[in-house]
Amino acid sequence: MGAIERYGYVFEPEFSVINRDGAIHVYKDGQFVEEIKFEFFGEFPEHNQIEELVNHYCAQMNKNGK
């Protein structure tokens, strides 16, 4: 799964199949902003789960005016 670009942010997901957890690294203008941690079930995280996390992050940024 590659990077997702939205609203000037770049979201780079990574995950551990062994630990069943992952993180989405958030960048803006090439600078690291924060890390969104998540857990998943099954062999790999669902693409929809990653999209939901990104959509939620973007909605919060729009709500806060950033």
C-alpha atoms as a PDB file:
ATOM      1  CA  MET A   1       0.000   0.000   0.000  1.00  0.00           C
ATOM      2  CA  GLY A   2       1.486   3.303  -1.049  1.00  0.00           C
ATOM      3  CA  ALA A   3       1.254   6.828   0.230  1.00  0.00           C
ATOM      4  CA  ILE A   4      -2.039   8.718   0.190  1.00  0.00           C
ATOM      5  CA  GLU A   5      -2.081  12.444  -0.614  1.00  0.00           C
ATOM      6  CA  ARG A   6      -4.929  14.637   0.582  1.00  0.00           C
ATOM      7  CA  TYR A   7      -5.383  18.326   1.392  1.00  0.00           C
ATOM      8  CA  GLY A   8      -1.654  18.983   1.257  1.00  0.00           C
ATOM      9  CA  TYR A   9      -0.856  16.078   3.593  1.00  0.00           C
ATOM     10  CA  VAL A  10       0.947  12.853   2.723  1.00  0.00           C
ATOM     11  CA  PHE A  11      -0.027   9.736   4.677  1.00  0.00           C
ATOM     12  CA  GLU A  12       2.431   6.834   4.636  1.00  0.00           C
ATOM     13  CA  PRO A  13       1.053   3.641   6.196  1.00  0.00           C
ATOM     14  CA  GLU A  14       3.259   0.901   7.592  1.00  0.00           C
ATOM     15  CA  PHE A  15       2.328  -2.160   9.608  1.00  0.00           C
ATOM     16  CA  SER A  16       3.581  -5.294  11.317  1.00  0.00           C
ATOM     17  CA  VAL A  17       1.836  -8.524  10.338  1.00  0.00           C
ATOM     18  CA  ILE A  18       3.357 -10.263  13.377  1.00  0.00           C
ATOM     19  CA  ASN A  19       2.134  -7.685  15.933  1.00  0.00           C
ATOM     20  CA  ARG A  20      -1.086  -6.851  14.053  1.00  0.00           C
ATOM     21  CA  ASP A  21      -0.510  -3.133  14.498  1.00  0.00           C
ATOM     22  CA  GLY A  22       0.594  -0.259  12.375  1.00  0.00           C
ATOM     23  CA  ALA A  23       1.002   3.449  12.007  1.00  0.00           C
ATOM     24  CA  ILE A  24       0.294   6.090   9.436  1.00  0.00           C
ATOM     25  CA  HIS A  25       3.007   8.724   9.284  1.00  0.00           C
ATOM     26  CA  VAL A  26       1.595  12.135   8.418  1.00  0.00           C
ATOM     27  CA  TYR A  27       3.693  14.705   6.538  1.00  0.00           C
ATOM     28  CA  LYS A  28       2.959  18.256   5.421  1.00  0.00           C
ATOM     29  CA  ASP A  29       5.337  20.090   3.078  1.00  0.00           C
ATOM     30  CA  GLY A  30       7.840  17.265   3.543  1.00  0.00           C
ATOM     31  CA  GLN A  31       7.900  17.676   7.331  1.00  0.00           C
ATOM     32  CA  PHE A  32       6.772  14.961   9.728  1.00  0.00           C
ATOM     33  CA  VAL A  33       3.604  16.057  11.566  1.00  0.00           C
ATOM     34  CA  GLU A  34       2.521  13.054  13.618  1.00  0.00           C
ATOM     35  CA  GLU A  35       1.890   9.339  13.757  1.00  0.00           C
ATOM     36  CA  ILE A  36      -1.566   7.730  13.766  1.00  0.00           C
ATOM     37  CA  LYS A  37      -1.369   4.298  15.406  1.00  0.00           C
ATOM     38  CA  PHE A  38      -3.871   1.531  14.687  1.00  0.00           C
ATOM     39  CA  GLU A  39      -4.507  -2.175  15.171  1.00  0.00           C
ATOM     40  CA  PHE A  40      -5.944  -4.624  12.667  1.00  0.00           C
ATOM     41  CA  PHE A  41      -7.268  -8.148  12.484  1.00  0.00           C
ATOM     42  CA  GLY A  42      -6.529 -10.690   9.822  1.00  0.00           C
ATOM     43  CA  GLU A  43      -3.457 -11.031   7.656  1.00  0.00           C
ATOM     44  CA  PHE A  44      -3.209  -7.397   6.574  1.00  0.00           C
ATOM     45  CA  PRO A  45      -4.997  -4.147   7.407  1.00  0.00           C
ATOM     46  CA  GLU A  46      -8.005  -3.505   5.200  1.00  0.00           C
ATOM     47  CA  HIS A  47      -7.538  -0.686   2.703  1.00  0.00           C
ATOM     48  CA  ASN A  48     -10.867   0.719   3.910  1.00  0.00           C
ATOM     49  CA  GLN A  49      -9.515   0.911   7.471  1.00  0.00           C
ATOM     50  CA  ILE A  50      -6.571   3.024   6.313  1.00  0.00           C
ATOM     51  CA  GLU A  51      -8.889   5.239   4.237  1.00  0.00           C
ATOM     52  CA  GLU A  52     -11.200   5.734   7.239  1.00  0.00           C
ATOM     53  CA  LEU A  53      -8.304   6.799   9.448  1.00  0.00           C
ATOM     54  CA  VAL A  54      -7.065   9.257   6.802  1.00  0.00           C
ATOM     55  CA  ASN A  55     -10.589  10.631   6.238  1.00  0.00           C
ATOM     56  CA  HIS A  56     -11.102  11.077   9.978  1.00  0.00           C
ATOM     57  CA  TYR A  57      -7.749  12.880  10.301  1.00  0.00           C
ATOM     58  CA  CYS A  58      -8.579  15.211   7.400  1.00  0.00           C
ATOM     59  CA  ALA A  59     -12.045  15.939   8.829  1.00  0.00           C
ATOM     60  CA  GLN A  60     -10.490  16.874  12.187  1.00  0.00           C
ATOM     61  CA  MET A  61      -7.940  19.141  10.490  1.00  0.00           C
ATOM     62  CA  ASN A  62     -10.704  20.879   8.496  1.00  0.00           C
ATOM     63  CA  LYS A  63     -12.818  21.228  11.635  1.00  0.00           C
ATOM     64  CA  ASN A  64      -9.909  22.808  13.505  1.00  0.00           C
ATOM     65  CA  GLY A  65      -9.083  25.089  10.577  1.00  0.00           C
ATOM     66  CA  LYS A  66      -5.624  23.683   9.858  1.00  0.00           C
END
